[in-house]
């Protein structure tokens, strides 16, 4: 019996070695996250939420919706998190989701008080958690440079028309009770190729709303979800090109910061994780946050890899843009300022210098990072290369070998004594050591 058992163990060991070689994950330069990234991102979200809670008297519709997005995104993360995440991490994510829910409930009164007209238009968005659901049928997409179009559309999307389309989709304002009202004119605006910057990110926003409010029947005659997936790929390919252009010339403090984080929030949420969820950009975003938790124009310097940030020229451009925005803002009444902020043309800047719209999109972008890192397990606790997204769900035949040999050892133990059992237990410990070894070394 002993020779037979030794033969089984040798054969299993050979199979284990072969399987480890075949299923070993491949590293990706865009997916190198550490456990520190996860911890720091959760810290950042917590500080931001505490800032919102402390200053809830200044909350507006955009910031309230951001808090609902954080709540929904974190709740969704806990439900769909990869099985290898630690219970402690998921417990903290769940705790932050609960905190976001509490702030949302406490802040509704102030959001309505601060912008009554806007609140009436979009209160439906604030009624519960919101999740940026994958627009690609649950798959992970990649940008395609062949889909980049000339951003010279002659279709001028007016803010009032855009808001009217949004209210029709979510069933609020004068469309209350008429959810999923998407007119042909709105569909032309939503799908127009040639928009840029905030116009194109807001086009993506409509796709998320259509999915969130189950409006697929309303667009079946227009191509349905397949058309949405194709448009999302086209739009995010162009948005990626815009973002890379910003990084190559230097990020304007304030102006570009807000746009970049909105681009990450929308396209990362749409499913383009490998292109928009990148460690070096995350580190840059974490540097932008003030110690009190809010976001404001960043005056420091940060050079993650090839991203040149905040050059002297960038600061000069930002100062000129700031003067222009201030001049335009002075010509608008209070309600119009909130209305225009949706572009955003005018920011809601608090006395301490905090920018509410920038802080709101930062919360959304950070939530996308948390969701990507935990759902696809893009990090390790050892600060080393980890898996490509496509390879996360790799098979582990060695686990079944362990189970098989354990059962075999128990059977043999009853027949010939405990020696085989001790031998197999020794083999199990060897397997565990080898499995950890090849997982904890980069290739």
Protein backbone atom coordinates (compact mmCIF):
# COMPACT_ATOMS: atom_id res chain seq x y z
CA UNK A 1 0.00 0.00 0.00
CA UNK A 2 2.83 2.41 0.80
CA UNK A 3 4.33 2.28 -2.75
CA UNK A 4 0.88 2.97 -4.23
CA UNK A 5 0.39 5.99 -1.96
CA UNK A 6 3.84 7.34 -2.83
CA UNK A 7 3.03 7.00 -6.53
CA UNK A 8 -0.24 8.91 -6.06
CA UNK A 9 1.58 11.73 -4.28
CA UNK A 10 4.29 11.98 -6.95
CA UNK A 11 1.68 12.06 -9.71
CA UNK A 12 -0.38 14.73 -7.92
CA UNK A 13 2.74 16.82 -7.37
CA UNK A 14 3.55 16.70 -11.07
CA UNK A 15 0.02 17.72 -11.97
CA UNK A 16 0.20 20.57 -9.48
CA UNK A 17 3.40 21.91 -11.00
CA UNK A 18 1.94 21.78 -14.49
CA UNK A 19 -1.30 23.46 -13.46
CA UNK A 20 0.55 26.23 -11.65
CA UNK A 21 2.49 26.97 -14.81
CA UNK A 22 -0.60 26.95 -17.02
CA UNK A 23 -2.91 29.12 -14.90
CA UNK A 24 -0.41 31.55 -13.48
CA UNK A 25 -1.85 35.07 -14.00
CA UNK A 26 -0.15 37.56 -16.24
CA UNK A 27 0.78 41.00 -14.91
CA UNK A 28 -0.56 44.17 -16.47
CA UNK A 29 1.18 47.54 -16.08
CA UNK A 30 -2.22 49.22 -15.66
CA UNK A 31 -3.33 46.92 -12.85
CA UNK A 32 -0.54 47.13 -10.29
CA UNK A 33 -2.29 48.00 -7.06
CA UNK A 34 -1.30 47.27 -3.48
CA UNK A 35 -3.28 46.84 -0.30
CA UNK A 36 -2.05 50.32 0.59
CA UNK A 37 -3.97 51.70 -2.40
CA UNK A 38 -7.16 50.13 -1.09
CA UNK A 39 -6.61 51.45 2.42
CA UNK A 40 -5.69 54.96 1.27
CA UNK A 41 -8.69 55.17 -1.06
CA UNK A 42 -11.05 54.15 1.73
CA UNK A 43 -9.36 56.70 4.02
CA UNK A 44 -9.88 59.36 1.36
CA UNK A 45 -13.56 58.50 0.96
CA UNK A 46 -14.07 58.59 4.71
CA UNK A 47 -12.49 62.04 5.01
CA UNK A 48 -14.64 63.31 2.13
CA UNK A 49 -17.82 61.93 3.71
CA UNK A 50 -16.93 63.48 7.05
CA UNK A 51 -16.41 66.82 5.31
CA UNK A 52 -19.83 66.56 3.65
CA UNK A 53 -21.42 65.65 6.97
CA UNK A 54 -19.72 68.49 8.84
CA UNK A 55 -20.77 70.98 6.13
CA UNK A 56 -24.17 69.51 5.31
CA UNK A 57 -25.66 72.98 5.59
CA UNK A 58 -23.86 73.79 2.32
CA UNK A 59 -24.84 70.64 0.43
CA UNK A 60 -26.36 71.06 -3.02
CA UNK A 61 -28.00 68.65 -5.45
CA UNK A 62 -24.70 67.58 -7.07
CA UNK A 63 -23.03 66.80 -3.75
CA UNK A 64 -26.12 64.98 -2.48
CA UNK A 65 -26.16 62.82 -5.59
CA UNK A 66 -22.44 62.13 -5.16
CA UNK A 67 -23.13 60.85 -1.66
CA UNK A 68 -25.87 58.58 -3.04
CA UNK A 69 -23.40 57.33 -5.66
CA UNK A 70 -20.84 56.57 -2.96
CA UNK A 71 -23.49 54.72 -0.97
CA UNK A 72 -24.71 52.71 -3.96
CA UNK A 73 -21.23 51.99 -5.31
CA UNK A 74 -19.94 50.72 -1.96
CA UNK A 75 -23.05 48.60 -1.33
CA UNK A 76 -22.64 47.07 -4.78
CA UNK A 77 -18.97 46.43 -4.07
CA UNK A 78 -19.77 44.42 -0.95
CA UNK A 79 -22.30 42.31 -2.88
CA UNK A 80 -19.98 41.56 -5.80
CA UNK A 81 -16.57 41.61 -4.13
CA UNK A 82 -14.03 38.96 -5.10
CA UNK A 83 -13.96 36.06 -2.65
CA UNK A 84 -10.28 36.66 -1.82
CA UNK A 85 -10.93 40.02 -0.15
CA UNK A 86 -10.53 40.05 3.60
CA UNK A 87 -13.59 40.33 5.83
CA UNK A 88 -12.06 43.37 7.53
CA UNK A 89 -11.88 45.31 4.24
CA UNK A 90 -15.45 44.46 3.28
CA UNK A 91 -16.67 45.37 6.77
CA UNK A 92 -15.09 48.79 6.42
CA UNK A 93 -16.61 49.29 2.96
CA UNK A 94 -20.02 48.35 4.36
CA UNK A 95 -19.55 50.78 7.25
CA UNK A 96 -18.73 53.64 4.85
CA UNK A 97 -21.81 52.81 2.77
CA UNK A 98 -23.95 53.07 5.91
CA UNK A 99 -22.30 56.39 6.79
CA UNK A 100 -23.04 57.74 3.29
CA UNK A 101 -26.69 56.70 3.67
CA UNK A 102 -26.95 58.56 6.97
CA UNK A 103 -25.44 61.73 5.49
CA UNK A 104 -27.86 61.52 2.55
CA UNK A 105 -30.84 61.37 4.86
CA UNK A 106 -29.57 64.26 7.00
CA UNK A 107 -28.65 66.41 4.01
CA UNK A 108 -31.91 66.37 2.00
CA UNK A 109 -33.35 69.35 3.87
CA UNK A 110 -30.29 71.50 3.19
CA UNK A 111 -30.05 70.56 -0.49
CA UNK A 112 -33.67 71.59 -0.97
CA UNK A 113 -33.13 74.82 0.96
CA UNK A 114 -29.97 75.75 -0.97
CA UNK A 115 -31.35 75.12 -4.47
CA UNK A 116 -35.10 74.64 -4.42
CA UNK A 117 -35.62 74.64 -8.19
CA UNK A 118 -32.82 72.18 -8.86
CA UNK A 119 -34.02 69.97 -6.03
CA UNK A 120 -37.52 69.87 -7.50
CA UNK A 121 -36.13 68.87 -10.88
CA UNK A 122 -33.83 66.10 -9.70
CA UNK A 123 -35.12 64.96 -6.30
CA UNK A 124 -35.81 61.52 -7.79
CA UNK A 125 -32.04 61.00 -8.12
CA UNK A 126 -31.62 61.59 -4.40
CA UNK A 127 -34.32 59.19 -3.21
CA UNK A 128 -32.03 56.17 -2.97
CA UNK A 129 -28.56 54.75 -3.71
CA UNK A 130 -27.27 55.03 -7.27
CA UNK A 131 -24.90 52.60 -8.97
CA UNK A 132 -22.94 53.19 -12.17
CA UNK A 133 -23.80 49.86 -13.76
CA UNK A 134 -21.64 48.35 -16.47
CA UNK A 135 -22.86 49.48 -19.89
CA UNK A 136 -21.13 46.67 -21.77
CA UNK A 137 -23.28 43.75 -20.71
CA UNK A 138 -21.10 43.01 -17.68
CA UNK A 139 -17.87 42.61 -19.63
CA UNK A 140 -14.65 44.60 -19.31
CA UNK A 141 -14.11 46.89 -22.29
CA UNK A 142 -11.04 48.46 -23.83
CA UNK A 143 -10.86 51.75 -25.66
CA UNK A 144 -10.43 51.70 -29.44
CA UNK A 145 -8.45 54.51 -31.08
CA UNK A 146 -10.17 53.83 -34.40
CA UNK A 147 -13.41 55.15 -32.87
CA UNK A 148 -12.05 58.64 -32.18
CA UNK A 149 -14.16 61.23 -33.97
CA UNK A 150 -13.75 64.92 -34.76
CA UNK A 151 -15.15 66.89 -31.84
CA UNK A 152 -16.77 69.55 -34.01
CA UNK A 153 -20.48 68.82 -33.69
CA UNK A 154 -22.85 71.54 -34.89
CA UNK A 155 -25.52 70.27 -32.48
CA UNK A 156 -25.57 72.75 -29.62
CA UNK A 157 -26.99 71.04 -26.54
CA UNK A 158 -28.57 73.75 -24.41
CA UNK A 159 -28.58 73.19 -20.62
CA UNK A 160 -32.36 73.60 -20.41
CA UNK A 161 -32.90 70.98 -23.13
CA UNK A 162 -30.43 68.64 -21.48
CA UNK A 163 -32.18 69.00 -18.12
CA UNK A 164 -35.55 68.40 -19.77
CA UNK A 165 -34.28 65.13 -21.26
CA UNK A 166 -32.88 64.12 -17.89
CA UNK A 167 -36.18 64.81 -16.10
CA UNK A 168 -38.04 62.80 -18.73
CA UNK A 169 -35.73 59.83 -18.19
CA UNK A 170 -35.99 59.76 -14.39
CA UNK A 171 -39.62 60.90 -14.20
CA UNK A 172 -39.21 64.09 -12.19
CA UNK A 173 -40.23 67.75 -12.47
CA UNK A 174 -43.04 68.16 -14.99
CA UNK A 175 -42.45 64.55 -16.07
CA UNK A 176 -43.35 63.20 -12.62
CA UNK A 177 -44.97 59.82 -13.06
CA UNK A 178 -43.80 59.60 -16.69
CA UNK A 179 -40.48 57.84 -16.23
CA UNK A 180 -38.50 56.72 -19.31
CA UNK A 181 -39.83 59.50 -21.54
CA UNK A 182 -37.07 59.68 -24.16
CA UNK A 183 -38.07 61.74 -27.19
CA UNK A 184 -36.39 61.48 -30.58
CA UNK A 185 -34.87 64.91 -30.01
CA UNK A 186 -33.39 63.78 -26.70
CA UNK A 187 -32.03 60.61 -28.27
CA UNK A 188 -30.30 62.69 -30.99
CA UNK A 189 -28.67 64.79 -28.29
CA UNK A 190 -27.65 61.78 -26.22
CA UNK A 191 -26.10 59.95 -29.17
CA UNK A 192 -24.55 62.83 -31.10
CA UNK A 193 -20.94 62.14 -32.04
CA UNK A 194 -18.81 65.23 -31.99
CA UNK A 195 -19.26 66.48 -28.43
CA UNK A 196 -16.37 66.95 -26.01
CA UNK A 197 -15.42 67.51 -22.37
CA UNK A 198 -18.49 67.83 -20.11
CA UNK A 199 -20.94 67.47 -22.99
CA UNK A 200 -19.71 63.99 -23.83
CA UNK A 201 -19.51 62.84 -20.20
CA UNK A 202 -23.10 64.01 -19.71
CA UNK A 203 -24.12 61.95 -22.73
CA UNK A 204 -22.78 58.91 -20.88
CA UNK A 205 -24.74 59.97 -17.81
CA UNK A 206 -27.98 59.44 -19.74
CA UNK A 207 -27.00 55.87 -20.53
CA UNK A 208 -26.48 55.17 -16.83
CA UNK A 209 -29.89 56.69 -16.05
CA UNK A 210 -31.55 54.62 -18.78
CA UNK A 211 -30.07 51.47 -17.26
CA UNK A 212 -30.73 52.47 -13.63
CA UNK A 213 -34.41 53.25 -14.27
CA UNK A 214 -34.97 50.18 -16.48
CA UNK A 215 -35.79 52.17 -19.60
CA UNK A 216 -34.56 49.54 -22.06
CA UNK A 217 -38.00 49.22 -23.68
CA UNK A 218 -37.99 52.95 -24.44
CA UNK A 219 -34.87 52.57 -26.58
CA UNK A 220 -35.54 49.16 -28.16
CA UNK A 221 -36.62 50.84 -31.40
CA UNK A 222 -33.39 52.86 -31.34
CA UNK A 223 -31.03 49.89 -31.12
CA UNK A 224 -31.49 48.94 -27.48
CA UNK A 225 -28.67 48.06 -25.11
CA UNK A 226 -26.41 46.95 -27.97
CA UNK A 227 -26.51 50.51 -29.34
CA UNK A 228 -25.75 51.86 -25.87
CA UNK A 229 -22.72 49.56 -25.55
CA UNK A 230 -21.38 50.65 -28.95
CA UNK A 231 -21.88 54.32 -28.15
CA UNK A 232 -20.27 53.92 -24.72
CA UNK A 233 -17.19 52.41 -26.35
CA UNK A 234 -17.03 55.22 -28.89
CA UNK A 235 -17.54 57.96 -26.30
CA UNK A 236 -15.05 56.52 -23.81
CA UNK A 237 -12.45 56.08 -26.53
CA UNK A 238 -12.74 59.80 -27.22
CA UNK A 239 -12.81 60.67 -23.53
CA UNK A 240 -9.64 58.63 -23.02
CA UNK A 241 -7.98 60.57 -25.83
CA UNK A 242 -9.01 63.83 -24.13
CA UNK A 243 -7.67 62.66 -20.78
CA UNK A 244 -4.33 61.64 -22.24
CA UNK A 245 -4.07 65.02 -23.96
CA UNK A 246 -4.62 66.73 -20.62
CA UNK A 247 -1.93 64.61 -18.97
CA UNK A 248 0.56 65.29 -21.76
CA UNK A 249 0.22 69.08 -21.57
CA UNK A 250 -0.20 69.36 -17.80
CA UNK A 251 -3.32 69.41 -15.65
CA UNK A 252 -4.83 72.83 -15.01
CA UNK A 253 -5.52 73.24 -11.28
CA UNK A 254 -9.25 73.23 -10.79
CA UNK A 255 -10.40 73.20 -14.41
CA UNK A 256 -8.86 69.91 -15.56
CA UNK A 257 -8.91 68.26 -12.14
CA UNK A 258 -12.71 68.30 -12.10
CA UNK A 259 -13.00 67.04 -15.69
CA UNK A 260 -10.46 64.21 -15.29
CA UNK A 261 -12.22 62.84 -12.21
CA UNK A 262 -15.60 63.01 -13.98
CA UNK A 263 -14.11 61.12 -16.94
CA UNK A 264 -12.80 58.39 -14.62
CA UNK A 265 -16.13 58.20 -12.80
CA UNK A 266 -18.20 57.72 -15.96
CA UNK A 267 -15.93 55.56 -18.13
CA UNK A 268 -14.58 53.52 -15.23
CA UNK A 269 -18.17 52.92 -14.18
CA UNK A 270 -19.17 52.01 -17.74
CA UNK A 271 -16.73 49.08 -17.72
CA UNK A 272 -13.49 50.48 -19.15
CA UNK A 273 -11.55 49.57 -16.03
CA UNK A 274 -8.11 48.79 -17.43
CA UNK A 275 -7.87 52.11 -19.27
CA UNK A 276 -9.31 54.46 -16.65
CA UNK A 277 -8.52 52.79 -13.32
CA UNK A 278 -4.77 53.27 -13.00
CA UNK A 279 -2.57 53.41 -9.88
CA UNK A 280 -0.60 56.49 -10.94
CA UNK A 281 -3.77 58.51 -11.54
CA UNK A 282 -5.22 57.33 -8.22
CA UNK A 283 -2.10 58.54 -6.42
CA UNK A 284 -2.46 61.89 -8.16
CA UNK A 285 -6.10 62.16 -7.06
CA UNK A 286 -5.19 61.31 -3.47
CA UNK A 287 -2.64 64.13 -3.53
CA UNK A 288 -5.31 66.56 -4.69
CA UNK A 289 -7.40 66.05 -1.56
CA UNK A 290 -7.02 68.49 1.30
CA UNK A 291 -6.51 67.23 4.84
CA UNK A 292 -10.05 68.20 5.81
CA UNK A 293 -11.39 65.87 3.10
CA UNK A 294 -12.63 68.25 0.40
CA UNK A 295 -11.17 68.97 -3.03
CA UNK A 296 -9.97 72.33 -4.34
CA UNK A 297 -7.50 73.53 -7.00
CA UNK A 298 -4.22 71.81 -6.24
CA UNK A 299 -1.16 74.05 -5.93
CA UNK A 300 1.45 71.42 -5.27
CA UNK A 301 3.50 69.35 -7.68
CA UNK A 302 3.15 65.69 -8.50
CA UNK A 303 4.84 63.69 -11.22
CA UNK A 304 3.53 60.12 -11.32
CA UNK A 305 5.41 58.42 -14.16
CA UNK A 306 4.79 60.35 -17.41
CA UNK A 307 2.07 62.67 -16.08
CA UNK A 308 3.42 66.22 -15.86
CA UNK A 309 1.16 68.09 -13.49
CA UNK A 310 0.72 71.79 -12.72
CA UNK A 311 3.39 73.45 -14.79
CA UNK A 312 3.77 77.22 -14.58
CA UNK A 313 1.90 77.49 -17.86
CA UNK A 314 -0.91 75.37 -16.44
CA UNK A 315 -1.27 77.71 -13.46
CA UNK A 316 -1.41 80.75 -15.72
CA UNK A 317 -4.16 79.17 -17.81
CA UNK A 318 -6.07 78.23 -14.67
CA UNK A 319 -5.88 81.79 -13.31
CA UNK A 320 -7.21 83.18 -16.59
CA UNK A 321 -10.06 80.64 -16.60
CA UNK A 322 -10.83 81.41 -12.96
CA UNK A 323 -11.16 85.13 -13.73
CA UNK A 324 -13.48 84.33 -16.64
CA UNK A 325 -15.65 82.07 -14.49
CA UNK A 326 -15.84 84.67 -11.73
CA UNK A 327 -16.92 87.34 -14.24
CA UNK A 328 -19.63 85.11 -15.68
CA UNK A 329 -20.77 84.05 -12.22
CA UNK A 330 -21.26 87.67 -11.14
CA UNK A 331 -23.69 88.11 -14.03
CA UNK A 332 -25.87 85.22 -12.91
CA UNK A 333 -28.39 85.17 -10.09
CA UNK A 334 -28.14 82.58 -7.32
CA UNK A 335 -30.42 79.99 -8.88
CA UNK A 336 -28.74 80.25 -12.28
CA UNK A 337 -25.36 79.64 -10.67
CA UNK A 338 -26.54 76.29 -9.36
CA UNK A 339 -28.04 75.56 -12.76
CA UNK A 340 -24.86 76.40 -14.64
CA UNK A 341 -22.74 74.42 -12.21
CA UNK A 342 -23.98 71.26 -13.86
CA UNK A 343 -21.75 71.98 -16.86
CA UNK A 344 -19.84 72.94 -14.61
CA UNK A 345 -19.26 76.56 -15.58
CA UNK A 346 -19.61 78.01 -12.11
CA UNK A 347 -18.57 76.16 -8.97
CA UNK A 348 -20.20 76.29 -5.54
CA UNK A 349 -17.12 77.41 -3.65
CA UNK A 350 -17.39 77.45 0.14
CA UNK A 351 -15.76 80.01 2.39
CA UNK A 352 -12.91 77.63 3.18
CA UNK A 353 -12.13 77.29 -0.56
CA UNK A 354 -13.69 73.85 -0.97
CA UNK A 355 -15.17 73.22 -4.42
CA UNK A 356 -18.39 71.24 -4.06
CA UNK A 357 -18.69 69.94 -7.63
CA UNK A 358 -15.05 68.89 -7.72
CA UNK A 359 -15.44 67.14 -4.38
CA UNK A 360 -18.57 65.41 -5.68
CA UNK A 361 -16.94 63.95 -8.79
CA UNK A 362 -13.93 62.99 -6.68
CA UNK A 363 -16.21 60.92 -4.47
CA UNK A 364 -17.64 59.19 -7.53
CA UNK A 365 -14.20 58.48 -9.03
CA UNK A 366 -12.78 57.15 -5.74
CA UNK A 367 -15.78 54.84 -5.42
CA UNK A 368 -15.09 53.49 -8.91
CA UNK A 369 -11.52 52.73 -7.80
CA UNK A 370 -12.70 50.89 -4.69
CA UNK A 371 -15.20 48.87 -6.71
CA UNK A 372 -12.65 47.92 -9.36
CA UNK A 373 -9.93 46.96 -6.89
CA UNK A 374 -12.22 44.80 -4.76
CA UNK A 375 -14.50 43.27 -7.39
CA UNK A 376 -11.63 42.29 -9.68
CA UNK A 377 -9.04 41.82 -6.91
CA UNK A 378 -6.52 44.13 -8.59
CA UNK A 379 -4.33 44.43 -5.51
CA UNK A 380 -2.21 42.34 -3.17
CA UNK A 381 -0.96 42.89 0.34
CA UNK A 382 2.62 42.52 -0.82
CA UNK A 383 3.01 45.53 -3.14
CA UNK A 384 3.82 43.33 -6.13
CA UNK A 385 2.46 42.66 -9.59
CA UNK A 386 -1.02 41.16 -9.54
CA UNK A 387 -3.44 39.74 -12.06
CA UNK A 388 -4.84 41.02 -15.30
CA UNK A 389 -8.60 41.39 -15.06
CA UNK A 390 -9.23 38.60 -17.59
CA UNK A 391 -7.16 36.20 -15.50
CA UNK A 392 -8.68 36.82 -12.09
CA UNK A 393 -11.09 33.92 -12.26
CA UNK A 394 -8.42 31.35 -13.06
CA UNK A 395 -8.95 27.69 -12.17
CA UNK A 396 -7.25 26.07 -9.20
CA UNK A 397 -7.14 22.30 -9.83
CA UNK A 398 -4.69 21.93 -6.94
CA UNK A 399 -7.57 22.59 -4.53
CA UNK A 400 -9.40 19.55 -5.83
CA UNK A 401 -6.21 17.52 -5.55
CA UNK A 402 -5.96 18.44 -1.89
CA UNK A 403 -9.58 17.38 -1.27
CA UNK A 404 -9.11 14.13 -3.17
CA UNK A 405 -5.92 13.21 -1.33
CA UNK A 406 -7.41 14.12 2.03
CA UNK A 407 -10.35 11.79 1.45
CA UNK A 408 -8.01 9.09 0.17
CA UNK A 409 -5.81 9.44 3.24
CA UNK A 410 -8.77 9.07 5.60
CA UNK A 411 -9.90 5.91 3.80
CA UNK A 412 -6.40 4.44 3.89
CA UNK A 413 -5.99 5.39 7.54
CA UNK A 414 -8.91 3.18 8.47
CA UNK A 415 -7.45 0.30 6.49
CA UNK A 416 -3.72 0.41 7.11
CA UNK A 417 -3.18 2.84 10.00
CA UNK A 418 -2.30 6.54 10.46
CA UNK A 419 0.95 6.67 8.49
CA UNK A 420 -0.72 7.52 5.15
CA UNK A 421 -2.77 10.22 6.87
CA UNK A 422 0.37 11.87 8.26
CA UNK A 423 2.01 11.62 4.86
CA UNK A 424 -0.92 13.29 3.07
CA UNK A 425 -1.17 16.05 5.65
CA UNK A 426 2.50 16.76 5.02
CA UNK A 427 1.75 16.92 1.30
CA UNK A 428 -1.13 19.40 1.89
CA UNK A 429 1.23 21.73 3.77
CA UNK A 430 3.71 21.54 0.90
CA UNK A 431 0.95 22.44 -1.57
CA UNK A 432 -0.05 25.46 0.48
CA UNK A 433 3.54 26.68 0.63
CA UNK A 434 4.06 26.22 -3.13
CA UNK A 435 0.73 27.88 -3.95
CA UNK A 436 1.62 30.93 -1.87
CA UNK A 437 5.11 31.03 -3.35
CA UNK A 438 4.06 31.32 -6.98
CA UNK A 439 1.28 33.77 -6.17
CA UNK A 440 3.63 36.09 -4.28
CA UNK A 441 6.24 36.46 -6.99
CA UNK A 442 5.92 38.65 -10.03
CA UNK A 443 6.89 37.31 -13.44
